[in-house]
C-alpha atoms as a PDB file:
ATOM      1  CA  MET A   1      -2.496  11.050  23.742  1.00  0.00           C
ATOM      2  CA  ARG A   2      -5.416  11.380  21.382  1.00  0.00           C
ATOM      3  CA  THR A   3      -8.832   9.979  22.070  1.00  0.00           C
ATOM      4  CA  LEU A   4     -10.029   6.875  20.263  1.00  0.00           C
ATOM      5  CA  ALA A   5     -12.372   8.974  18.140  1.00  0.00           C
ATOM      6  CA  SER A   6      -9.605  11.310  17.002  1.00  0.00           C
ATOM      7  CA  ARG A   7      -7.289   8.402  16.240  1.00  0.00           C
ATOM      8  CA  VAL A   8      -9.794   6.761  13.879  1.00  0.00           C
ATOM      9  CA  GLY A   9     -10.881  10.140  12.474  1.00  0.00           C
ATOM     10  CA  LEU A  10     -14.514   9.035  12.228  1.00  0.00           C
ATOM     11  CA  HIS A  11     -17.696   9.842  14.046  1.00  0.00           C
ATOM     12  CA  SER A  12     -21.365   8.958  13.849  1.00  0.00           C
ATOM     13  CA  GLU A  13     -24.156  10.337  15.980  1.00  0.00           C
ATOM     14  CA  ALA A  14     -25.983   7.853  18.169  1.00  0.00           C
ATOM     15  CA  ASN A  15     -28.920   7.736  15.774  1.00  0.00           C
ATOM     16  CA  GLY A  16     -26.640   7.145  12.815  1.00  0.00           C
ATOM     17  CA  ALA A  17     -27.820  10.244  11.004  1.00  0.00           C
ATOM     18  CA  GLY A  18     -24.764  12.439  11.177  1.00  0.00           C
ATOM     19  CA  GLY A  19     -21.044  12.858  11.417  1.00  0.00           C
ATOM     20  CA  SER A  20     -20.505  15.772  13.778  1.00  0.00           C
ATOM     21  CA  THR A  21     -18.287  16.155  16.817  1.00  0.00           C
ATOM     22  CA  SER A  22     -19.453  17.456  20.185  1.00  0.00           C
ATOM     23  CA  GLU A  23     -18.569  20.939  18.915  1.00  0.00           C
ATOM     24  CA  GLY A  24     -20.946  20.499  15.967  1.00  0.00           C
ATOM     25  CA  LYS A  25     -18.236  20.013  13.339  1.00  0.00           C
ATOM     26  CA  ARG A  26     -18.088  17.069  10.965  1.00  0.00           C
ATOM     27  CA  ALA A  27     -15.329  14.723  12.044  1.00  0.00           C
ATOM     28  CA  PRO A  28     -12.293  14.445   9.749  1.00  0.00           C
ATOM     29  CA  GLY A  29     -12.700  11.595   7.323  1.00  0.00           C
ATOM     30  CA  ALA A  30     -16.424  10.980   7.847  1.00  0.00           C
ATOM     31  CA  THR A  31     -17.569  12.685   4.640  1.00  0.00           C
ATOM     32  CA  ARG A  32     -14.755  11.162   2.612  1.00  0.00           C
ATOM     33  CA  VAL A  33     -15.615   7.636   3.756  1.00  0.00           C
ATOM     34  CA  CYS A  34     -19.326   8.073   3.101  1.00  0.00           C
ATOM     35  CA  GLU A  35     -18.754   9.484  -0.383  1.00  0.00           C
ATOM     36  CA  ARG A  36     -16.429   6.639  -1.273  1.00  0.00           C
ATOM     37  CA  ARG A  37     -19.020   4.103  -0.132  1.00  0.00           C
ATOM     38  CA  GLY A  38     -21.922   5.798  -1.841  1.00  0.00           C
ATOM     39  CA  VAL A  39     -24.077   6.577   1.199  1.00  0.00           C
ATOM     40  CA  GLU A  40     -23.346  10.288   1.672  1.00  0.00           C
ATOM     41  CA  GLU A  41     -26.117  11.095  -0.787  1.00  0.00           C
ATOM     42  CA  PHE A  42     -28.573   9.430   1.587  1.00  0.00           C
ATOM     43  CA  GLY A  43     -27.537  11.587   4.564  1.00  0.00           C
ATOM     44  CA  LEU A  44     -26.378   8.574   6.589  1.00  0.00           C
ATOM     45  CA  GLY A  45     -23.437   8.385   8.961  1.00  0.00           C
ATOM     46  CA  VAL A  46     -20.749   5.748   8.916  1.00  0.00           C
ATOM     47  CA  SER A  47     -22.992   3.467  10.981  1.00  0.00           C
ATOM     48  CA  PHE A  48     -26.777   3.445  10.887  1.00  0.00           C
ATOM     49  CA  ARG A  49     -29.874   1.394  11.555  1.00  0.00           C
ATOM     50  CA  VAL A  50     -31.303  -0.641   8.727  1.00  0.00           C
ATOM     51  CA  GLY A  51     -34.582   1.221   9.169  1.00  0.00           C
ATOM     52  CA  ALA A  52     -32.820   4.557   8.725  1.00  0.00           C
ATOM     53  CA  GLY A  53     -31.201   3.263   5.553  1.00  0.00           C
ATOM     54  CA  LEU A  54     -34.542   2.146   4.129  1.00  0.00           C
ATOM     55  CA  GLU A  55     -36.158   5.476   5.000  1.00  0.00           C
ATOM     56  CA  ALA A  56     -33.267   7.279   3.305  1.00  0.00           C
ATOM     57  CA  GLY A  57     -33.815   5.337   0.075  1.00  0.00           C
ATOM     58  CA  LEU A  58     -31.427   2.391   0.228  1.00  0.00           C
ATOM     59  CA  THR A  59     -32.964  -0.871  -0.930  1.00  0.00           C
ATOM     60  CA  GLU A  60     -33.149  -4.061   1.107  1.00  0.00           C
ATOM     61  CA  GLY A  61     -31.038  -5.787  -1.511  1.00  0.00           C
ATOM     62  CA  ARG A  62     -28.275  -3.234  -1.255  1.00  0.00           C
ATOM     63  CA  LEU A  63     -28.328  -3.324   2.548  1.00  0.00           C
ATOM     64  CA  ARG A  64     -27.961  -7.114   2.432  1.00  0.00           C
ATOM     65  CA  GLY A  65     -25.313  -6.995  -0.285  1.00  0.00           C
ATOM     66  CA  PRO A  66     -21.515  -6.774  -0.188  1.00  0.00           C
ATOM     67  CA  SER A  67     -21.494  -2.977   0.139  1.00  0.00           C
ATOM     68  CA  PHE A  68     -22.314  -3.212   3.847  1.00  0.00           C
ATOM     69  CA  VAL A  69     -21.468  -5.311   6.888  1.00  0.00           C
ATOM     70  CA  ALA A  70     -23.638  -5.893   9.967  1.00  0.00           C
ATOM     71  CA  PRO A  71     -21.670  -5.386  13.208  1.00  0.00           C
ATOM     72  CA  HIS A  72     -24.943  -5.882  15.120  1.00  0.00           C
ATOM     73  CA  PHE A  73     -28.379  -7.100  14.106  1.00  0.00           C
ATOM     74  CA  GLY A  74     -30.177  -4.165  12.513  1.00  0.00           C
ATOM     75  CA  VAL A  75     -27.044  -2.035  12.003  1.00  0.00           C
ATOM     76  CA  ARG A  76     -25.036  -1.462   8.831  1.00  0.00           C
ATOM     77  CA  VAL A  77     -21.548  -0.098   8.209  1.00  0.00           C
ATOM     78  CA  PRO A  78     -19.999   0.419   4.755  1.00  0.00           C
ATOM     79  CA  ALA A  79     -17.786  -2.546   3.888  1.00  0.00           C
ATOM     80  CA  GLY A  80     -14.104  -1.911   4.399  1.00  0.00           C
ATOM     81  CA  VAL A  81     -14.607   0.860   6.960  1.00  0.00           C
ATOM     82  CA  GLU A  82     -12.883   0.121  10.265  1.00  0.00           C
ATOM     83  CA  LEU A  83     -14.816   1.557  13.200  1.00  0.00           C
ATOM     84  CA  PRO A  84     -14.291   1.273  16.956  1.00  0.00           C
ATOM     85  CA  PRO A  85     -16.903  -0.786  18.798  1.00  0.00           C
ATOM     86  CA  GLN A  86     -18.611   2.321  20.183  1.00  0.00           C
ATOM     87  CA  LEU A  87     -19.445   3.597  16.707  1.00  0.00           C
ATOM     88  CA  ARG A  88     -20.546   0.177  15.532  1.00  0.00           C
ATOM     89  CA  TYR A  89     -23.064   0.050  18.393  1.00  0.00           C
ATOM     90  CA  ALA A  90     -23.989   3.760  18.511  1.00  0.00           C
ATOM     91  CA  PRO A  91     -27.120   3.560  16.304  1.00  0.00           C
ATOM     92  CA  LEU A  92     -28.678   1.198  18.865  1.00  0.00           C
ATOM     93  CA  LEU A  93     -28.350   3.587  21.814  1.00  0.00           C
ATOM     94  CA  ARG A  94     -31.664   4.613  23.342  1.00  0.00           C
ATOM     95  CA  PRO A  95     -32.346   7.827  25.244  1.00  0.00           C
ATOM     96  CA  GLY A  96     -30.848   7.210  28.678  1.00  0.00           C
ATOM     97  CA  ASP A  97     -28.197   4.759  27.433  1.00  0.00           C
ATOM     98  CA  ARG A  98     -24.517   5.539  27.701  1.00  0.00           C
ATOM     99  CA  PHE A  99     -21.215   3.815  27.056  1.00  0.00           C
ATOM    100  CA  SER A 100     -19.591   2.957  30.371  1.00  0.00           C
ATOM    101  CA  HIS A 101     -16.773   1.061  32.066  1.00  0.00           C
ATOM    102  CA  THR A 102     -13.891   0.251  29.710  1.00  0.00           C
ATOM    103  CA  SER A 103     -15.941   1.335  26.678  1.00  0.00           C
ATOM    104  CA  ALA A 104     -16.137   4.863  28.101  1.00  0.00           C
ATOM    105  CA  ALA A 105     -12.477   4.812  29.115  1.00  0.00           C
ATOM    106  CA  GLU A 106     -11.485   3.765  25.596  1.00  0.00           C
ATOM    107  CA  TRP A 107     -13.598   6.518  24.048  1.00  0.00           C
ATOM    108  CA  TYR A 108     -11.796   9.075  26.239  1.00  0.00           C
ATOM    109  CA  GLY A 109      -8.530   7.637  24.887  1.00  0.00           C
ATOM    110  CA  ALA A 110      -7.383   6.062  28.152  1.00  0.00           C
ATOM    111  CA  PRO A 111      -4.828   3.226  27.987  1.00  0.00           C
ATOM    112  CA  LEU A 112      -6.274  -0.241  28.460  1.00  0.00           C
ATOM    113  CA  PRO A 113      -4.713  -3.710  28.586  1.00  0.00           C
ATOM    114  CA  ALA A 114      -4.462  -5.378  25.194  1.00  0.00           C
ATOM    115  CA  GLY A 115      -7.161  -7.809  24.142  1.00  0.00           C
ATOM    116  CA  GLU A 116     -10.763  -8.008  23.033  1.00  0.00           C
ATOM    117  CA  ARG A 117     -13.370  -6.475  25.323  1.00  0.00           C
ATOM    118  CA  PRO A 118     -17.160  -6.418  25.233  1.00  0.00           C
ATOM    119  CA  VAL A 119     -19.053  -3.187  24.699  1.00  0.00           C
ATOM    120  CA  HIS A 120     -20.361  -1.894  28.032  1.00  0.00           C
ATOM    121  CA  VAL A 121     -23.673  -0.037  27.884  1.00  0.00           C
ATOM    122  CA  THR A 122     -25.348   1.381  30.991  1.00  0.00           C
ATOM    123  CA  ASN A 123     -29.023   2.261  30.878  1.00  0.00           C
ATOM    124  CA  GLY A 124     -31.130   4.370  33.177  1.00  0.00           C
ATOM    125  CA  ALA A 125     -34.236   3.504  35.139  1.00  0.00           C
ATOM    126  CA  GLY A 126     -37.072   1.884  33.210  1.00  0.00           C
ATOM    127  CA  LEU A 127     -34.893   0.427  30.465  1.00  0.00           C
ATOM    128  CA  ILE A 128     -34.021  -3.235  30.076  1.00  0.00           C
ATOM    129  CA  HIS A 129     -30.429  -4.321  29.568  1.00  0.00           C
ATOM    130  CA  PRO A 130     -29.339  -4.741  25.959  1.00  0.00           C
ATOM    131  CA  ARG A 131     -29.049  -8.415  25.074  1.00  0.00           C
ATOM    132  CA  ARG A 132     -26.675  -8.767  22.151  1.00  0.00           C
ATOM    133  CA  PRO A 133     -23.512 -10.794  21.553  1.00  0.00           C
ATOM    134  CA  GLY A 134     -20.447  -8.912  22.718  1.00  0.00           C
ATOM    135  CA  VAL A 135     -22.467  -6.377  24.722  1.00  0.00           C
ATOM    136  CA  VAL A 136     -22.680  -6.197  28.532  1.00  0.00           C
ATOM    137  CA  GLY A 137     -25.556  -4.217  30.014  1.00  0.00           C
ATOM    138  CA  HIS A 138     -25.619  -2.324  33.307  1.00  0.00           C
ATOM    139  CA  ARG A 139     -28.195  -0.194  35.091  1.00  0.00           C
ATOM    140  CA  ASP A 140     -27.376   3.082  36.816  1.00  0.00           C
ATOM    141  CA  ALA A 141     -29.303   6.337  37.273  1.00  0.00           C
ATOM    142  CA  ARG A 142     -26.322   8.677  36.906  1.00  0.00           C
ATOM    143  CA  ASP A 143     -26.405  11.096  33.996  1.00  0.00           C
ATOM    144  CA  ALA A 144     -24.250  10.681  30.915  1.00  0.00           C
ATOM    145  CA  VAL A 145     -21.923  13.329  29.558  1.00  0.00           C
ATOM    146  CA  ASP A 146     -21.328  14.014  25.898  1.00  0.00           C
ATOM    147  CA  TRP A 147     -17.818  13.380  24.611  1.00  0.00           C
ATOM    148  CA  LEU A 148     -17.243  13.704  20.877  1.00  0.00           C
ATOM    149  CA  GLY A 149     -20.919  13.219  20.191  1.00  0.00           C
ATOM    150  CA  LEU A 150     -21.502  10.038  22.173  1.00  0.00           C
ATOM    151  CA  PRO A 151     -23.079   9.668  25.645  1.00  0.00           C
ATOM    152  CA  VAL A 152     -20.534   8.217  28.070  1.00  0.00           C
ATOM    153  CA  SER A 153     -20.063   7.958  31.798  1.00  0.00           C
ATOM    154  CA  ALA A 154     -18.421  10.999  33.362  1.00  0.00           C
ATOM    155  CA  PRO A 155     -14.642  10.619  33.697  1.00  0.00           C
ATOM    156  CA  ASP A 156     -14.659  10.141  37.483  1.00  0.00           C
ATOM    157  CA  GLU A 157     -17.547   7.680  37.154  1.00  0.00           C
ATOM    158  CA  THR A 158     -15.658   5.810  34.432  1.00  0.00           C
ATOM    159  CA  PHE A 159     -12.726   5.392  36.822  1.00  0.00           C
ATOM    160  CA  ILE A 160     -14.966   3.752  39.444  1.00  0.00           C
ATOM    161  CA  GLU A 161     -16.660   1.538  36.858  1.00  0.00           C
ATOM    162  CA  CYS A 162     -13.300   0.297  35.567  1.00  0.00           C
ATOM    163  CA  ALA A 163     -12.282  -0.621  39.110  1.00  0.00           C
ATOM    164  CA  SER A 164     -14.697  -3.539  38.955  1.00  0.00           C
ATOM    165  CA  LEU A 165     -13.022  -4.913  35.822  1.00  0.00           C
ATOM    166  CA  LEU A 166      -9.293  -4.115  35.887  1.00  0.00           C
ATOM    167  CA  GLY A 167      -6.306  -4.872  38.045  1.00  0.00           C
ATOM    168  CA  PRO A 168      -4.642  -2.225  40.246  1.00  0.00           C
ATOM    169  CA  ALA A 169      -1.849  -1.194  37.837  1.00  0.00           C
ATOM    170  CA  ALA A 170      -4.207  -0.831  34.865  1.00  0.00           C
ATOM    171  CA  LEU A 171      -6.599   1.210  36.987  1.00  0.00           C
ATOM    172  CA  VAL A 172      -3.842   3.553  38.168  1.00  0.00           C
ATOM    173  CA  ALA A 173      -2.788   4.033  34.535  1.00  0.00           C
ATOM    174  CA  ILE A 174      -6.333   5.132  33.665  1.00  0.00           C
ATOM    175  CA  GLY A 175      -6.333   7.514  36.613  1.00  0.00           C
ATOM    176  CA  ASP A 176      -2.970   8.967  35.545  1.00  0.00           C
ATOM    177  CA  TYR A 177      -4.388   9.551  32.078  1.00  0.00           C
ATOM    178  CA  LEU A 178      -7.595  11.186  33.290  1.00  0.00           C
ATOM    179  CA  VAL A 179      -5.780  13.725  35.503  1.00  0.00           C
ATOM    180  CA  LEU A 180      -3.022  14.563  33.012  1.00  0.00           C
ATOM    181  CA  SER A 181      -2.735  18.166  31.809  1.00  0.00           C
ATOM    182  CA  PRO A 182      -0.886  17.665  28.508  1.00  0.00           C
ATOM    183  CA  ARG A 183       2.068  19.965  27.875  1.00  0.00           C
ATOM    184  CA  ILE A 184       0.399  20.839  24.590  1.00  0.00           C
ATOM    185  CA  PRO A 185      -3.111  21.812  25.756  1.00  0.00           C
ATOM    186  CA  GLU A 186      -6.010  19.731  24.478  1.00  0.00           C
ATOM    187  CA  PRO A 187      -9.714  20.645  24.722  1.00  0.00           C
ATOM    188  CA  GLY A 188     -11.365  19.019  27.714  1.00  0.00           C
ATOM    189  CA  ARG A 189      -8.115  18.014  29.415  1.00  0.00           C
ATOM    190  CA  PRO A 190      -7.584  17.168  32.145  1.00  0.00           C
ATOM    191  CA  PHE A 191     -10.687  15.044  32.275  1.00  0.00           C
ATOM    192  CA  ALA A 192     -10.715  14.955  36.082  1.00  0.00           C
ATOM    193  CA  SER A 193      -8.709  15.870  39.145  1.00  0.00           C
ATOM    194  CA  ILE A 194      -7.308  13.516  41.743  1.00  0.00           C
ATOM    195  CA  ASP A 195      -9.690  15.046  44.277  1.00  0.00           C
ATOM    196  CA  ALA A 196     -12.631  14.342  41.951  1.00  0.00           C
ATOM    197  CA  LEU A 197     -11.579  10.705  41.576  1.00  0.00           C
ATOM    198  CA  ARG A 198     -11.171  10.419  45.331  1.00  0.00           C
ATOM    199  CA  ALA A 199     -14.619  11.915  45.962  1.00  0.00           C
ATOM    200  CA  ALA A 200     -16.245   9.578  43.431  1.00  0.00           C
ATOM    201  CA  ALA A 201     -14.657   6.576  45.132  1.00  0.00           C
ATOM    202  CA  ALA A 202     -15.790   7.567  48.631  1.00  0.00           C
ATOM    203  CA  PRO A 203     -19.366   6.181  48.679  1.00  0.00           C
ATOM    204  CA  PRO A 204     -19.579   2.392  49.103  1.00  0.00           C
ATOM    205  CA  ARG A 205     -20.419   0.682  45.826  1.00  0.00           C
ATOM    206  CA  ARG A 206     -19.051  -1.972  43.517  1.00  0.00           C
ATOM    207  CA  GLY A 207     -15.380  -1.302  42.771  1.00  0.00           C
ATOM    208  CA  ALA A 208     -15.118   1.591  45.252  1.00  0.00           C
ATOM    209  CA  LYS A 209     -12.664  -0.119  47.593  1.00  0.00           C
ATOM    210  CA  ARG A 210     -10.256  -0.924  44.763  1.00  0.00           C
ATOM    211  CA  ALA A 211     -10.733   2.571  43.336  1.00  0.00           C
ATOM    212  CA  ARG A 212      -9.931   4.189  46.701  1.00  0.00           C
ATOM    213  CA  ALA A 213      -6.674   2.267  46.875  1.00  0.00           C
ATOM    214  CA  ALA A 214      -5.771   3.082  43.272  1.00  0.00           C
ATOM    215  CA  VAL A 215      -6.497   6.797  43.465  1.00  0.00           C
ATOM    216  CA  GLU A 216      -3.875   7.207  46.174  1.00  0.00           C
ATOM    217  CA  LEU A 217      -1.304   6.071  43.594  1.00  0.00           C
ATOM    218  CA  VAL A 218      -2.551   8.345  40.785  1.00  0.00           C
ATOM    219  CA  ARG A 219      -0.176  11.173  39.888  1.00  0.00           C
ATOM    220  CA  GLY A 220      -0.222  14.097  37.504  1.00  0.00           C
ATOM    221  CA  GLY A 221       2.374  14.487  34.773  1.00  0.00           C
ATOM    222  CA  VAL A 222       2.342  10.850  33.609  1.00  0.00           C
ATOM    223  CA  GLU A 223       2.153  10.551  29.819  1.00  0.00           C
ATOM    224  CA  SER A 224       2.096   6.798  29.205  1.00  0.00           C
ATOM    225  CA  PRO A 225       0.991   3.593  30.953  1.00  0.00           C
ATOM    226  CA  ARG A 226       4.578   2.308  30.815  1.00  0.00           C
ATOM    227  CA  GLU A 227       5.637   5.293  32.906  1.00  0.00           C
ATOM    228  CA  THR A 228       2.916   4.341  35.369  1.00  0.00           C
ATOM    229  CA  ARG A 229       4.187   0.767  35.523  1.00  0.00           C
ATOM    230  CA  LEU A 230       7.778   1.895  36.035  1.00  0.00           C
ATOM    231  CA  ARG A 231       6.810   4.210  38.879  1.00  0.00           C
ATOM    232  CA  LEU A 232       4.673   1.558  40.570  1.00  0.00           C
ATOM    233  CA  LEU A 233       7.465  -0.988  40.204  1.00  0.00           C
ATOM    234  CA  LEU A 234       9.985   1.262  41.929  1.00  0.00           C
ATOM    235  CA  VAL A 235       7.705   2.594  44.655  1.00  0.00           C
ATOM    236  CA  GLY A 236       6.413  -0.910  45.307  1.00  0.00           C
ATOM    237  CA  ALA A 237      10.012  -2.002  45.903  1.00  0.00           C
ATOM    238  CA  GLY A 238      10.366   0.599  48.635  1.00  0.00           C
ATOM    239  CA  LEU A 239      12.245   3.250  46.659  1.00  0.00           C
ATOM    240  CA  PRO A 240      11.453   6.948  47.210  1.00  0.00           C
ATOM    241  CA  GLU A 241       8.511   8.521  45.417  1.00  0.00           C
ATOM    242  CA  PRO A 242       9.650  10.286  42.226  1.00  0.00           C
ATOM    243  CA  VAL A 243       8.381  13.508  40.685  1.00  0.00           C
ATOM    244  CA  CYS A 244       6.464  12.732  37.473  1.00  0.00           C
ATOM    245  CA  GLY A 245       6.832  14.772  34.294  1.00  0.00           C
ATOM    246  CA  TYR A 246       9.841  16.701  35.550  1.00  0.00           C
ATOM    247  CA  PRO A 247      11.120  19.785  33.650  1.00  0.00           C
ATOM    248  CA  LEU A 248      14.907  19.959  34.040  1.00  0.00           C
ATOM    249  CA  HIS A 249      16.316  23.506  33.941  1.00  0.00           C
ATOM    250  CA  ASP A 250      19.849  24.657  33.245  1.00  0.00           C
ATOM    251  CA  ASP A 251      21.702  27.333  35.215  1.00  0.00           C
ATOM    252  CA  ASP A 252      19.992  30.062  33.164  1.00  0.00           C
ATOM    253  CA  GLY A 253      16.550  28.731  33.976  1.00  0.00           C
ATOM    254  CA  ASP A 254      15.923  27.364  30.494  1.00  0.00           C
ATOM    255  CA  VAL A 255      14.217  23.960  30.164  1.00  0.00           C
ATOM    256  CA  VAL A 256      16.702  21.308  29.073  1.00  0.00           C
ATOM    257  CA  GLY A 257      13.943  18.770  28.612  1.00  0.00           C
ATOM    258  CA  TRP A 258      11.108  16.908  30.279  1.00  0.00           C
ATOM    259  CA  PHE A 259      11.779  13.586  31.971  1.00  0.00           C
ATOM    260  CA  ASP A 260       9.399  10.827  33.030  1.00  0.00           C
ATOM    261  CA  LEU A 261      10.610  10.450  36.610  1.00  0.00           C
ATOM    262  CA  ALA A 262      12.952  12.530  38.749  1.00  0.00           C
ATOM    263  CA  TRP A 263      14.501  12.471  42.182  1.00  0.00           C
ATOM    264  CA  PRO A 264      15.825  16.066  42.342  1.00  0.00           C
ATOM    265  CA  GLU A 265      17.541  15.669  45.700  1.00  0.00           C
ATOM    266  CA  ARG A 266      19.610  12.794  44.245  1.00  0.00           C
ATOM    267  CA  ARG A 267      19.950  14.299  40.758  1.00  0.00           C
ATOM    268  CA  VAL A 268      18.591  11.088  39.227  1.00  0.00           C
ATOM    269  CA  LEU A 269      16.243  10.879  36.244  1.00  0.00           C
ATOM    270  CA  GLY A 270      14.251   7.879  35.042  1.00  0.00           C
ATOM    271  CA  GLU A 271      13.111   7.418  31.440  1.00  0.00           C
ATOM    272  CA  TYR A 272      10.969   4.747  29.844  1.00  0.00           C
ATOM    273  CA  ASP A 273      12.005   4.307  26.210  1.00  0.00           C
ATOM    274  CA  GLY A 274       9.056   3.251  24.082  1.00  0.00           C
ATOM    275  CA  ASP A 275       9.345   2.100  20.491  1.00  0.00           C
ATOM    276  CA  GLN A 276       9.087   5.662  19.200  1.00  0.00           C
ATOM    277  CA  HIS A 277      12.466   6.404  20.820  1.00  0.00           C
ATOM    278  CA  ARG A 278      13.957   3.674  18.632  1.00  0.00           C
ATOM    279  CA  THR A 279      12.023   3.988  15.383  1.00  0.00           C
ATOM    280  CA  SER A 280      11.843   7.786  15.064  1.00  0.00           C
ATOM    281  CA  THR A 281      15.131   9.372  14.036  1.00  0.00           C
ATOM    282  CA  GLU A 282      13.879  12.779  15.125  1.00  0.00           C
ATOM    283  CA  GLN A 283      12.890  11.477  18.562  1.00  0.00           C
ATOM    284  CA  TYR A 284      16.189   9.635  18.885  1.00  0.00           C
ATOM    285  CA  GLU A 285      18.165  12.799  18.127  1.00  0.00           C
ATOM    286  CA  ARG A 286      16.117  14.793  20.646  1.00  0.00           C
ATOM    287  CA  ASP A 287      16.772  12.138  23.267  1.00  0.00           C
ATOM    288  CA  ILE A 288      20.523  12.280  22.692  1.00  0.00           C
ATOM    289  CA  ARG A 289      20.500  16.042  23.165  1.00  0.00           C
ATOM    290  CA  ARG A 290      18.371  15.801  26.310  1.00  0.00           C
ATOM    291  CA  PHE A 291      20.501  13.112  27.892  1.00  0.00           C
ATOM    292  CA  ASP A 292      23.765  14.861  27.028  1.00  0.00           C
ATOM    293  CA  ARG A 293      22.576  18.135  28.515  1.00  0.00           C
ATOM    294  CA  ALA A 294      21.331  16.372  31.642  1.00  0.00           C
ATOM    295  CA  ALA A 295      24.760  14.736  32.017  1.00  0.00           C
ATOM    296  CA  ASP A 296      26.444  18.134  31.573  1.00  0.00           C
ATOM    297  CA  LEU A 297      24.396  19.334  34.545  1.00  0.00           C
ATOM    298  CA  ALA A 298      25.584  16.344  36.624  1.00  0.00           C
ATOM    299  CA  TRP A 299      22.290  14.431  36.478  1.00  0.00           C
ATOM    300  CA  ARG A 300      22.234  10.688  35.971  1.00  0.00           C
ATOM    301  CA  VAL A 301      19.680   9.309  33.500  1.00  0.00           C
ATOM    302  CA  ILE A 302      18.526   5.710  33.883  1.00  0.00           C
ATOM    303  CA  ARG A 303      16.702   4.391  30.826  1.00  0.00           C
ATOM    304  CA  VAL A 304      14.311   1.441  30.900  1.00  0.00           C
ATOM    305  CA  ARG A 305      12.745  -0.485  28.050  1.00  0.00           C
ATOM    306  CA  LYS A 306       9.998  -3.084  27.909  1.00  0.00           C
ATOM    307  CA  HIS A 307      12.219  -5.898  29.194  1.00  0.00           C
ATOM    308  CA  GLY A 308      12.971  -3.841  32.293  1.00  0.00           C
ATOM    309  CA  LEU A 309       9.323  -3.938  33.331  1.00  0.00           C
ATOM    310  CA  ALA A 310       8.931  -7.688  32.859  1.00  0.00           C
ATOM    311  CA  ALA A 311      11.665 -10.306  33.050  1.00  0.00           C
ATOM    312  CA  GLY A 312      14.242  -7.636  33.878  1.00  0.00           C
ATOM    313  CA  ALA A 313      12.219  -5.964  36.646  1.00  0.00           C
ATOM    314  CA  ALA A 314      14.597  -7.059  39.435  1.00  0.00           C
ATOM    315  CA  GLU A 315      17.547  -5.615  37.532  1.00  0.00           C
ATOM    316  CA  THR A 316      15.652  -2.358  36.979  1.00  0.00           C
ATOM    317  CA  ILE A 317      14.949  -2.034  40.690  1.00  0.00           C
ATOM    318  CA  ALA A 318      18.614  -2.724  41.481  1.00  0.00           C
ATOM    319  CA  ARG A 319      19.802  -0.059  39.024  1.00  0.00           C
ATOM    320  CA  PHE A 320      17.620   2.607  40.574  1.00  0.00           C
ATOM    321  CA  ARG A 321      18.444   1.475  44.102  1.00  0.00           C
ATOM    322  CA  ARG A 322      22.153   1.910  43.447  1.00  0.00           C
ATOM    323  CA  ALA A 323      21.632   5.322  41.877  1.00  0.00           C
ATOM    324  CA  LEU A 324      19.470   6.540  44.737  1.00  0.00           C
ATOM    325  CA  ALA A 325      21.652   5.164  47.525  1.00  0.00           C
END
């Protein structure tokens, strides 16, 4: 799963004066957007303070005109450019500020429940909370880390912060994401280890109790929040703990395919079928080959879709219970 920044293909430094990633490279798309909107010549990023725009040579009339929108008082973004909330707020960050809670989790690319959320900004000692519509301020002395050019809470800290805002299943899904080592390596992954999350949750603080309970359900090898929900549904119903992200091998030791959940001693596999399994012909063909080869090796594959995690949850549990009996 890509981070939020890589999905939008845009980046702006906190002071609004650049478009580089944490490795010092200009983010894909940033130059193209700025050129199209006529601000590249002024050396401005995709979001910037009004004062920076004036210093760079933009006029007050142009900054108030239809070429720009104001996501926050004193900030401008070229009209028509869609930016995540972190980049819209980034020019307002002060030294010692960092994005935190769900705003940090989102910037890391972690899965979050659908819906609008405020921007969470944590400031260090001596700074007052930001008071702006749609922004929630916090105070904490812990240091920020840099991820893709923005200061954010460390991954293990982000997990604890989210525990004060999210329900158990959503929190476990974030933990699963943070500890995942993708099969195709990605820089910076995994973001944390289960032991690191457990250590961060040990001291008493807000959200720590919920985080301690959630971290015991976090597992490696989980590639989507729906897989998390399926596993929690089955384990919560008293079924045996599955292996997550299971590589099935044939008699020659070659990998037949990777499967979401597995009970090797029962030769049972569990798969959550997201929309990509239905809408992508290539993915659909790969699935057919995987499932056929698993069947040839005398493994049973149980597939679950969205309905099976909601109204059909009881039926899903029954299907797996019969297979594992």
